[in-house]
Amino acid sequence: MSDTPRGPAKVTVASGGQAPGGQAPGGQAPGGDEPPVVATGRAIVAKAAAGSIAVRLLGGVAIWIRASAAARAALGRNYPDIDLVAHRRQSRALRALLEEEGFQPERVFNATHGARRLLYHLPPSDWPGGGAAGGSHVDVFLDIFEMSHTLDLGARLETEPETLAAAELLLTKLQVAEVNRKDLSDVAMLLWDHEPADGDSLGMLNLRTVAKVCGADWGLYTTATQNLAACAGLLIELVPAQPERAKIAERIEVIIAALAAAPKTVGWRMRARVGRRVRWYQLPEEVIR
């Protein structure tokens, strides 16, 4: 495991002796340790918790943390950035913490978008091995996640420790309108170890939450079901072992069926009448780093 300090200690990028491009296959550091950026993400969350600031990881790093060794070996990848969610009401305290720990703010972006999103980075000299251009980026969403679709992550931010709950992690991946192989691989990695269920816990994905959110937004429902189908179609390339591939495919079927059967709001039904004649997703703002 990484020797990155926890709790009140300084948050630093763990070196692991390798730059990101030198990590072993599967996104893991040599010797089976967690990737340095994962260790750094964990350290940020722990440091924030010590200061009573609620912060959770999302994105590929969060999925890696929740994954089994088998899923990591098959579907892990390099993780260049850290994605976080925090409450807007605690953004000032979080800003102070990150800057105290050496993360450099993107000041123009933060001044413009700071009510909903913040960007930080470490200088390349602090990235393992002298690192990638610009160092490791930290992207902070404040309650609301706005990309192809808008998700309220603040309402259930503290459902589970360290990472967002699996339901929200899945939604943040399924909402990508212009989905790519990396996103679909992350979906498969999450579903490898999380069974659709009625609640939240390690190894469980709260299907009620996913169905309720998609049942209130026809656009999100459309993108999510489209991406679930795309993931199912890609499984033969992503997951070499048939038992695991069949398990993930079955879970995808269960989720699609639950989304179709879930109650729909009046707004959902009204938007469904318009259908695909009008674009049903947003074009995310490109962030220049």
Protein backbone atom coordinates (compact mmCIF):
# COMPACT_ATOMS: atom_id res chain seq x y z
CA MET A 1 0.00 0.00 0.00
CA SER A 2 1.01 3.61 -0.48
CA ASP A 3 2.77 5.45 2.30
CA THR A 4 0.74 8.61 1.66
CA PRO A 5 0.05 10.26 5.06
CA ARG A 6 -3.51 10.23 6.39
CA GLY A 7 -5.54 12.35 8.79
CA PRO A 8 -3.87 15.54 9.97
CA ALA A 9 -0.68 14.81 8.03
CA LYS A 10 0.28 16.63 4.85
CA VAL A 11 -1.59 15.61 1.69
CA THR A 12 0.99 14.70 -0.95
CA VAL A 13 1.06 12.72 -4.15
CA ALA A 14 2.53 9.32 -3.34
CA SER A 15 5.52 8.62 -5.53
CA GLY A 16 5.34 4.85 -5.83
CA GLY A 17 8.59 5.14 -7.77
CA GLN A 18 6.85 5.48 -11.13
CA ALA A 19 5.28 8.13 -13.33
CA PRO A 20 1.71 7.48 -14.49
CA GLY A 21 2.92 6.14 -17.82
CA GLY A 22 5.14 3.65 -15.98
CA GLN A 23 2.40 2.02 -13.97
CA ALA A 24 1.73 -1.64 -14.37
CA PRO A 25 -1.18 -2.82 -16.59
CA GLY A 26 -4.58 -2.38 -15.01
CA GLY A 27 -3.83 1.08 -13.69
CA GLN A 28 -2.09 -0.25 -10.62
CA ALA A 29 1.31 0.72 -9.34
CA PRO A 30 4.04 -1.93 -9.49
CA GLY A 31 3.71 -4.62 -6.86
CA GLY A 32 -0.09 -4.37 -6.76
CA ASP A 33 -0.19 -1.13 -4.76
CA GLU A 34 -2.89 1.42 -5.48
CA PRO A 35 -2.05 4.07 -8.09
CA PRO A 36 -0.43 7.17 -6.55
CA VAL A 37 -3.34 9.40 -7.58
CA VAL A 38 -5.75 7.07 -5.74
CA ALA A 39 -3.67 7.37 -2.58
CA THR A 40 -3.72 11.14 -2.96
CA GLY A 41 -7.50 11.17 -3.37
CA ARG A 42 -7.93 9.08 -0.23
CA ALA A 43 -5.63 11.44 1.67
CA ILE A 44 -7.63 14.51 0.63
CA VAL A 45 -10.88 12.91 1.83
CA ALA A 46 -9.27 11.88 5.14
CA LYS A 47 -7.76 15.33 5.70
CA ALA A 48 -11.12 16.97 4.97
CA ALA A 49 -12.91 14.60 7.34
CA ALA A 50 -10.44 15.54 10.09
CA GLY A 51 -11.60 19.13 9.59
CA SER A 52 -15.31 18.18 9.52
CA ILE A 53 -15.56 18.87 5.78
CA ALA A 54 -17.68 16.32 3.91
CA VAL A 55 -15.85 15.31 0.71
CA ARG A 56 -16.32 12.19 -1.41
CA LEU A 57 -14.48 10.78 -4.41
CA LEU A 58 -16.19 10.05 -7.71
CA GLY A 59 -15.10 9.03 -11.19
CA GLY A 60 -12.62 6.32 -12.06
CA VAL A 61 -10.65 6.67 -8.82
CA ALA A 62 -13.78 6.04 -6.73
CA ILE A 63 -14.73 3.02 -8.82
CA TRP A 64 -11.19 1.62 -8.46
CA ILE A 65 -11.39 1.97 -4.68
CA ARG A 66 -14.67 0.03 -4.55
CA ALA A 67 -13.52 -2.67 -6.97
CA SER A 68 -12.20 -6.15 -6.23
CA ALA A 69 -8.69 -7.23 -7.16
CA ALA A 70 -10.06 -9.20 -10.11
CA ALA A 71 -11.99 -6.22 -11.47
CA ARG A 72 -8.96 -3.97 -11.02
CA ALA A 73 -6.73 -6.40 -12.88
CA ALA A 74 -9.15 -6.70 -15.80
CA LEU A 75 -10.48 -3.15 -16.11
CA GLY A 76 -8.22 -0.84 -14.11
CA ARG A 77 -6.47 1.96 -15.99
CA ASN A 78 -4.29 4.98 -15.40
CA TYR A 79 -6.09 7.68 -13.42
CA PRO A 80 -4.57 11.10 -14.17
CA ASP A 81 -7.05 13.22 -12.20
CA ILE A 82 -8.96 13.30 -8.92
CA ASP A 83 -12.69 14.10 -8.94
CA LEU A 84 -14.39 15.19 -5.72
CA VAL A 85 -17.83 16.25 -4.53
CA ALA A 86 -18.39 18.55 -1.56
CA HIS A 87 -21.17 20.70 -0.18
CA ARG A 88 -21.31 24.23 -1.52
CA ARG A 89 -21.74 25.56 2.01
CA GLN A 90 -18.30 24.16 2.90
CA SER A 91 -16.49 25.34 -0.21
CA ARG A 92 -14.58 28.09 1.56
CA ALA A 93 -13.15 25.67 4.10
CA LEU A 94 -12.29 23.16 1.37
CA ARG A 95 -10.55 25.81 -0.70
CA ALA A 96 -8.42 26.75 2.27
CA LEU A 97 -7.52 23.11 2.93
CA LEU A 98 -6.50 22.39 -0.66
CA GLU A 99 -4.37 25.50 -0.92
CA GLU A 100 -2.72 24.78 2.42
CA GLU A 101 -1.82 21.34 1.07
CA GLY A 102 -0.12 22.78 -2.01
CA PHE A 103 -2.85 22.39 -4.62
CA GLN A 104 -2.79 25.41 -6.92
CA PRO A 105 -6.15 26.94 -7.85
CA GLU A 106 -7.19 27.75 -11.40
CA ARG A 107 -8.05 31.26 -10.26
CA VAL A 108 -9.93 32.53 -13.31
CA PHE A 109 -12.06 29.38 -13.53
CA ASN A 110 -12.74 29.35 -9.79
CA ALA A 111 -13.71 33.03 -9.78
CA THR A 112 -16.16 32.42 -12.62
CA HIS A 113 -17.59 29.02 -11.64
CA GLY A 114 -16.78 28.78 -7.94
CA ALA A 115 -20.41 28.55 -6.84
CA ARG A 116 -20.69 25.12 -8.44
CA ARG A 117 -17.23 23.88 -9.41
CA LEU A 118 -13.57 24.33 -8.53
CA LEU A 119 -10.33 23.30 -10.26
CA TYR A 120 -6.91 22.74 -8.68
CA HIS A 121 -3.64 21.14 -9.72
CA LEU A 122 -0.27 20.16 -8.38
CA PRO A 123 2.78 21.45 -10.25
CA PRO A 124 4.53 18.85 -12.44
CA SER A 125 7.45 18.74 -10.01
CA ASP A 126 5.17 17.16 -7.39
CA TRP A 127 3.77 14.51 -9.75
CA PRO A 128 5.38 11.04 -9.49
CA GLY A 129 8.50 10.81 -11.63
CA GLY A 130 8.35 14.46 -12.65
CA GLY A 131 5.03 13.79 -14.26
CA ALA A 132 2.54 14.68 -16.88
CA ALA A 133 2.12 18.23 -18.10
CA GLY A 134 0.28 20.30 -15.55
CA GLY A 135 0.51 17.74 -12.78
CA SER A 136 -2.45 16.04 -11.16
CA HIS A 137 -5.73 17.90 -11.50
CA VAL A 138 -8.37 18.03 -8.79
CA ASP A 139 -11.90 18.73 -10.03
CA VAL A 140 -14.38 19.63 -7.27
CA PHE A 141 -18.15 19.61 -7.83
CA LEU A 142 -20.19 21.51 -5.26
CA ASP A 143 -23.44 19.59 -4.67
CA ILE A 144 -24.49 19.76 -8.34
CA PHE A 145 -22.83 17.75 -11.11
CA GLU A 146 -23.35 19.39 -14.50
CA MET A 147 -22.10 17.63 -17.60
CA SER A 148 -24.28 16.09 -20.34
CA HIS A 149 -27.03 15.99 -17.69
CA THR A 150 -27.44 17.56 -14.27
CA LEU A 151 -27.32 15.45 -11.11
CA ASP A 152 -27.84 16.48 -7.50
CA LEU A 153 -25.01 14.71 -5.69
CA GLY A 154 -25.23 16.77 -2.52
CA ALA A 155 -28.47 15.17 -1.30
CA ARG A 156 -26.81 11.78 -0.72
CA LEU A 157 -23.20 12.91 -0.45
CA GLU A 158 -22.61 11.33 2.95
CA THR A 159 -24.43 8.05 2.30
CA GLU A 160 -21.15 6.11 2.33
CA PRO A 161 -17.61 6.93 3.48
CA GLU A 162 -14.77 7.98 1.17
CA THR A 163 -16.62 7.60 -2.16
CA LEU A 164 -20.06 8.44 -3.47
CA ALA A 165 -22.52 5.58 -3.22
CA ALA A 166 -22.50 3.16 -6.17
CA ALA A 167 -25.83 4.49 -7.48
CA GLU A 168 -24.43 8.00 -7.92
CA LEU A 169 -21.16 6.68 -9.35
CA LEU A 170 -23.15 4.78 -11.97
CA LEU A 171 -25.29 7.80 -12.83
CA THR A 172 -22.25 10.04 -13.33
CA LYS A 173 -20.92 7.55 -15.87
CA LEU A 174 -24.23 6.80 -17.59
CA GLN A 175 -25.06 10.50 -18.09
CA VAL A 176 -22.24 10.97 -20.63
CA ALA A 177 -23.96 11.66 -23.96
CA GLU A 178 -20.84 11.23 -26.07
CA VAL A 179 -19.69 8.15 -24.22
CA ASN A 180 -16.32 6.54 -24.85
CA ARG A 181 -14.74 3.18 -24.16
CA LYS A 182 -13.15 4.42 -20.93
CA ASP A 183 -16.54 5.40 -19.48
CA LEU A 184 -18.14 2.10 -20.50
CA SER A 185 -15.21 0.19 -19.03
CA ASP A 186 -15.75 2.04 -15.74
CA VAL A 187 -19.44 1.08 -15.83
CA ALA A 188 -18.48 -2.56 -16.29
CA MET A 189 -15.93 -2.31 -13.48
CA LEU A 190 -18.54 -0.92 -11.10
CA LEU A 191 -21.13 -3.55 -12.00
CA TRP A 192 -18.55 -6.33 -11.65
CA ASP A 193 -18.73 -5.95 -7.86
CA HIS A 194 -22.08 -4.23 -7.23
CA GLU A 195 -25.39 -6.03 -7.36
CA PRO A 196 -28.59 -4.03 -8.01
CA ALA A 197 -30.41 -3.87 -4.67
CA ASP A 198 -32.86 -1.87 -2.58
CA GLY A 199 -30.21 -0.13 -0.49
CA ASP A 200 -26.66 1.16 -0.24
CA SER A 201 -23.63 -0.74 0.99
CA LEU A 202 -20.35 -2.19 -0.16
CA GLY A 203 -21.20 -4.52 -3.03
CA MET A 204 -24.69 -3.06 -3.43
CA LEU A 205 -26.05 -0.56 -5.96
CA ASN A 206 -29.22 1.24 -4.88
CA LEU A 207 -31.48 0.58 -7.86
CA ARG A 208 -34.34 2.55 -6.34
CA THR A 209 -32.23 5.70 -6.40
CA VAL A 210 -31.14 5.19 -10.01
CA ALA A 211 -34.72 4.48 -11.13
CA LYS A 212 -36.14 7.49 -9.28
CA VAL A 213 -33.60 9.92 -10.74
CA CYS A 214 -34.06 8.59 -14.28
CA GLY A 215 -37.84 8.50 -13.83
CA ALA A 216 -37.84 12.26 -13.33
CA ASP A 217 -35.70 13.13 -16.37
CA TRP A 218 -36.48 11.68 -19.79
CA GLY A 219 -33.22 12.96 -21.23
CA LEU A 220 -31.12 11.29 -18.57
CA TYR A 221 -33.19 8.11 -18.88
CA THR A 222 -32.57 8.07 -22.62
CA THR A 223 -28.82 8.60 -22.33
CA ALA A 224 -28.49 6.13 -19.44
CA THR A 225 -30.36 3.28 -21.12
CA GLN A 226 -28.49 3.93 -24.36
CA ASN A 227 -25.16 3.68 -22.55
CA LEU A 228 -26.16 0.57 -20.62
CA ALA A 229 -26.93 -1.13 -23.93
CA ALA A 230 -23.60 0.07 -25.35
CA CYS A 231 -21.77 -1.33 -22.34
CA ALA A 232 -23.49 -4.69 -22.76
CA GLY A 233 -22.43 -4.76 -26.40
CA LEU A 234 -18.81 -4.07 -25.48
CA LEU A 235 -18.50 -6.64 -22.71
CA ILE A 236 -17.07 -9.33 -24.95
CA GLU A 237 -14.09 -7.01 -25.57
CA LEU A 238 -13.81 -5.66 -22.04
CA VAL A 239 -14.23 -8.77 -19.89
CA PRO A 240 -12.40 -11.89 -21.07
CA ALA A 241 -13.83 -14.32 -18.49
CA GLN A 242 -17.28 -15.60 -19.39
CA PRO A 243 -18.70 -15.96 -15.85
CA GLU A 244 -17.94 -12.34 -14.96
CA ARG A 245 -19.10 -11.13 -18.37
CA ALA A 246 -22.41 -12.95 -17.94
CA LYS A 247 -22.84 -11.56 -14.43
CA ILE A 248 -22.34 -7.97 -15.58
CA ALA A 249 -24.64 -8.48 -18.57
CA GLU A 250 -27.37 -9.80 -16.29
CA ARG A 251 -27.02 -6.81 -13.97
CA ILE A 252 -27.30 -4.46 -16.93
CA GLU A 253 -30.52 -6.18 -17.97
CA VAL A 254 -31.90 -5.84 -14.45
CA ILE A 255 -31.12 -2.11 -14.37
CA ILE A 256 -32.62 -1.44 -17.81
CA ALA A 257 -35.78 -3.30 -16.87
CA ALA A 258 -36.07 -1.42 -13.57
CA LEU A 259 -35.67 1.95 -15.30
CA ALA A 260 -38.35 1.06 -17.83
CA ALA A 261 -40.79 -0.12 -15.15
CA ALA A 262 -40.22 2.74 -12.67
CA PRO A 263 -42.90 5.45 -12.25
CA LYS A 264 -42.35 8.49 -14.46
CA THR A 265 -43.05 12.11 -13.56
CA VAL A 266 -45.35 14.38 -15.56
CA GLY A 267 -42.28 16.27 -16.77
CA TRP A 268 -40.71 13.01 -17.96
CA ARG A 269 -43.83 12.13 -19.95
CA MET A 270 -44.13 15.57 -21.50
CA ARG A 271 -40.49 15.54 -22.62
CA ALA A 272 -40.92 12.01 -23.98
CA ARG A 273 -43.54 13.33 -26.43
CA VAL A 274 -40.90 15.57 -28.00
CA GLY A 275 -38.44 12.70 -28.13
CA ARG A 276 -35.19 12.88 -30.03
CA ARG A 277 -36.39 15.63 -32.37
CA VAL A 278 -34.81 18.07 -29.91
CA ARG A 279 -31.43 17.43 -28.30
CA TRP A 280 -32.00 15.93 -24.86
CA TYR A 281 -28.57 16.56 -23.34
CA GLN A 282 -26.29 19.50 -22.64
CA LEU A 283 -22.96 20.13 -24.30
CA PRO A 284 -20.51 20.25 -21.40
CA GLU A 285 -18.28 23.29 -21.21
CA GLU A 286 -14.75 22.45 -22.25
CA VAL A 287 -12.33 23.14 -19.44
CA ILE A 288 -8.94 24.41 -20.57
CA ARG A 289 -6.29 23.29 -18.10
